[in-house]
């Protein structure tokens, strides 16, 4: 997982796989990510 996404997910109060998946989906929907080579 890219560092910026990992940092964003660490700020969430409840850290479960389900919440991580929801957080990643939200990051992808909003376009808040950097393209990786």
PDB file of N, CA and C in Angstrom:
ATOM      1  N   UNK A   1       0.850  -1.172   0.000  1.00  0.00           N
ATOM      2  CA  UNK A   1       0.000   0.000   0.000  1.00  0.00           C
ATOM      3  C   UNK A   1       0.899   1.239   0.000  1.00  0.00           C
ATOM      4  N   UNK A   2       0.604   2.193  -0.858  1.00  0.00           N
ATOM      5  CA  UNK A   2       1.420   3.411  -0.882  1.00  0.00           C
ATOM      6  C   UNK A   2       1.388   4.125   0.466  1.00  0.00           C
ATOM      7  N   UNK A   3       2.473   4.835   0.747  1.00  0.00           N
ATOM      8  CA  UNK A   3       2.601   5.484   2.060  1.00  0.00           C
ATOM      9  C   UNK A   3       1.505   6.491   2.339  1.00  0.00           C
ATOM     10  N   UNK A   4       1.105   7.280   1.321  1.00  0.00           N
ATOM     11  CA  UNK A   4       0.092   8.306   1.592  1.00  0.00           C
ATOM     12  C   UNK A   4      -1.259   7.667   1.898  1.00  0.00           C
ATOM     13  N   UNK A   5      -1.578   6.559   1.250  1.00  0.00           N
ATOM     14  CA  UNK A   5      -2.836   5.867   1.551  1.00  0.00           C
ATOM     15  C   UNK A   5      -2.753   5.226   2.933  1.00  0.00           C
ATOM     16  N   UNK A   6      -1.609   4.650   3.244  1.00  0.00           N
ATOM     17  CA  UNK A   6      -1.426   4.033   4.551  1.00  0.00           C
ATOM     18  C   UNK A   6      -1.578   5.069   5.659  1.00  0.00           C
ATOM     19  N   UNK A   7      -1.011   6.243   5.466  1.00  0.00           N
ATOM     20  CA  UNK A   7      -1.116   7.308   6.469  1.00  0.00           C
ATOM     21  C   UNK A   7      -2.571   7.738   6.653  1.00  0.00           C
ATOM     22  N   UNK A   8      -3.304   7.835   5.563  1.00  0.00           N
ATOM     23  CA  UNK A   8      -4.711   8.236   5.652  1.00  0.00           C
ATOM     24  C   UNK A   8      -5.524   7.184   6.398  1.00  0.00           C
ATOM     25  N   UNK A   9      -5.241   5.911   6.142  1.00  0.00           N
ATOM     26  CA  UNK A   9      -5.998   4.853   6.804  1.00  0.00           C
ATOM     27  C   UNK A   9      -5.630   4.735   8.282  1.00  0.00           C
ATOM     28  N   UNK A  10      -4.413   5.089   8.648  1.00  0.00           N
ATOM     29  CA  UNK A  10      -4.009   5.019  10.055  1.00  0.00           C
ATOM     30  C   UNK A  10      -4.744   6.037  10.907  1.00  0.00           C
ATOM     31  N   UNK A  11      -5.248   7.103  10.304  1.00  0.00           N
ATOM     32  CA  UNK A  11      -5.967   8.129  11.059  1.00  0.00           C
ATOM     33  C   UNK A  11      -7.372   7.689  11.434  1.00  0.00           C
ATOM     34  N   UNK A  12      -7.861   6.636  10.814  1.00  0.00           N
ATOM     35  CA  UNK A  12      -9.218   6.171  11.099  1.00  0.00           C
ATOM     36  C   UNK A  12      -9.264   5.536  12.491  1.00  0.00           C
ATOM     37  N   UNK A  13     -10.341   5.769  13.245  1.00  0.00           N
ATOM     38  CA  UNK A  13     -10.399   5.290  14.629  1.00  0.00           C
ATOM     39  C   UNK A  13     -10.495   3.765  14.771  1.00  0.00           C
ATOM     40  N   UNK A  14     -11.236   3.098  13.884  1.00  0.00           N
ATOM     41  CA  UNK A  14     -11.407   1.649  13.973  1.00  0.00           C
ATOM     42  C   UNK A  14     -10.623   1.018  12.832  1.00  0.00           C
ATOM     43  N   UNK A  15      -9.624   0.213  13.182  1.00  0.00           N
ATOM     44  CA  UNK A  15      -8.725  -0.336  12.175  1.00  0.00           C
ATOM     45  C   UNK A  15      -9.037  -1.819  11.947  1.00  0.00           C
ATOM     46  N   UNK A  16      -9.899  -2.095  10.988  1.00  0.00           N
ATOM     47  CA  UNK A  16     -10.209  -3.467  10.607  1.00  0.00           C
ATOM     48  C   UNK A  16     -10.011  -3.591   9.107  1.00  0.00           C
ATOM     49  N   UNK A  17      -9.928  -4.824   8.622  1.00  0.00           N
ATOM     50  CA  UNK A  17      -9.769  -5.043   7.184  1.00  0.00           C
ATOM     51  C   UNK A  17     -10.948  -4.451   6.413  1.00  0.00           C
ATOM     52  N   UNK A  18     -12.135  -4.595   6.978  1.00  0.00           N
ATOM     53  CA  UNK A  18     -13.330  -4.075   6.309  1.00  0.00           C
ATOM     54  C   UNK A  18     -13.266  -2.552   6.180  1.00  0.00           C
ATOM     55  N   UNK A  19     -12.851  -1.880   7.254  1.00  0.00           N
ATOM     56  CA  UNK A  19     -12.738  -0.421   7.205  1.00  0.00           C
ATOM     57  C   UNK A  19     -11.602   0.022   6.294  1.00  0.00           C
ATOM     58  N   UNK A  20     -10.506  -0.757   6.257  1.00  0.00           N
ATOM     59  CA  UNK A  20      -9.417  -0.447   5.335  1.00  0.00           C
ATOM     60  C   UNK A  20      -9.911  -0.516   3.894  1.00  0.00           C
ATOM     61  N   UNK A  21     -10.683  -1.540   3.571  1.00  0.00           N
ATOM     62  CA  UNK A  21     -11.217  -1.687   2.216  1.00  0.00           C
ATOM     63  C   UNK A  21     -12.139  -0.523   1.880  1.00  0.00           C
ATOM     64  N   UNK A  22     -12.969  -0.119   2.828  1.00  0.00           N
ATOM     65  CA  UNK A  22     -13.867   1.013   2.597  1.00  0.00           C
ATOM     66  C   UNK A  22     -13.070   2.298   2.414  1.00  0.00           C
ATOM     67  N   UNK A  23     -12.016   2.463   3.198  1.00  0.00           N
ATOM     68  CA  UNK A  23     -11.176   3.650   3.079  1.00  0.00           C
ATOM     69  C   UNK A  23     -10.458   3.706   1.743  1.00  0.00           C
ATOM     70  N   UNK A  24      -9.925   2.566   1.289  1.00  0.00           N
ATOM     71  CA  UNK A  24      -9.261   2.524  -0.019  1.00  0.00           C
ATOM     72  C   UNK A  24     -10.252   2.810  -1.140  1.00  0.00           C
ATOM     73  N   UNK A  25     -11.455   2.283  -1.022  1.00  0.00           N
ATOM     74  CA  UNK A  25     -12.480   2.549  -2.033  1.00  0.00           C
ATOM     75  C   UNK A  25     -12.813   4.034  -2.075  1.00  0.00           C
ATOM     76  N   UNK A  26     -12.883   4.664  -0.916  1.00  0.00           N
ATOM     77  CA  UNK A  26     -13.173   6.097  -0.863  1.00  0.00           C
ATOM     78  C   UNK A  26     -12.033   6.900  -1.491  1.00  0.00           C
ATOM     79  N   UNK A  27     -10.791   6.511  -1.230  1.00  0.00           N
ATOM     80  CA  UNK A  27      -9.636   7.188  -1.832  1.00  0.00           C
ATOM     81  C   UNK A  27      -9.696   7.066  -3.355  1.00  0.00           C
ATOM     82  N   UNK A  28     -10.052   5.895  -3.859  1.00  0.00           N
ATOM     83  CA  UNK A  28     -10.131   5.694  -5.308  1.00  0.00           C
ATOM     84  C   UNK A  28     -11.283   6.505  -5.909  1.00  0.00           C
ATOM     85  N   UNK A  29     -12.422   6.548  -5.224  1.00  0.00           N
ATOM     86  CA  UNK A  29     -13.576   7.305  -5.736  1.00  0.00           C
ATOM     87  C   UNK A  29     -13.280   8.790  -5.827  1.00  0.00           C
ATOM     88  N   UNK A  30     -12.589   9.322  -4.823  1.00  0.00           N
ATOM     89  CA  UNK A  30     -12.334  10.761  -4.793  1.00  0.00           C
ATOM     90  C   UNK A  30     -11.141  11.157  -5.651  1.00  0.00           C
ATOM     91  N   UNK A  31     -10.362  10.170  -6.103  1.00  0.00           N
ATOM     92  CA  UNK A  31      -9.206  10.471  -6.936  1.00  0.00           C
ATOM     93  C   UNK A  31      -8.019  10.964  -6.136  1.00  0.00           C
ATOM     94  N   UNK A  32      -8.017  10.720  -4.834  1.00  0.00           N
ATOM     95  CA  UNK A  32      -6.939  11.189  -3.964  1.00  0.00           C
ATOM     96  C   UNK A  32      -5.871  10.104  -3.853  1.00  0.00           C
ATOM     97  N   UNK A  33      -5.112   9.948  -4.939  1.00  0.00           N
ATOM     98  CA  UNK A  33      -4.031   8.971  -4.937  1.00  0.00           C
ATOM     99  C   UNK A  33      -3.015   9.358  -5.991  1.00  0.00           C
ATOM    100  N   UNK A  34      -1.815   8.845  -5.835  1.00  0.00           N
ATOM    101  CA  UNK A  34      -0.762   9.080  -6.815  1.00  0.00           C
ATOM    102  C   UNK A  34      -0.591   7.810  -7.636  1.00  0.00           C
ATOM    103  N   UNK A  35      -0.405   7.968  -8.928  1.00  0.00           N
ATOM    104  CA  UNK A  35      -0.197   6.812  -9.785  1.00  0.00           C
ATOM    105  C   UNK A  35       1.189   6.229  -9.513  1.00  0.00           C
ATOM    106  N   UNK A  36       1.241   4.911  -9.419  1.00  0.00           N
ATOM    107  CA  UNK A  36       2.493   4.214  -9.152  1.00  0.00           C
ATOM    108  C   UNK A  36       2.953   3.542 -10.434  1.00  0.00           C
ATOM    109  N   UNK A  37       4.251   3.548 -10.659  1.00  0.00           N
ATOM    110  CA  UNK A  37       4.772   2.945 -11.891  1.00  0.00           C
ATOM    111  C   UNK A  37       4.710   1.455 -11.866  1.00  0.00           C
TER     112      UNK A  37
END
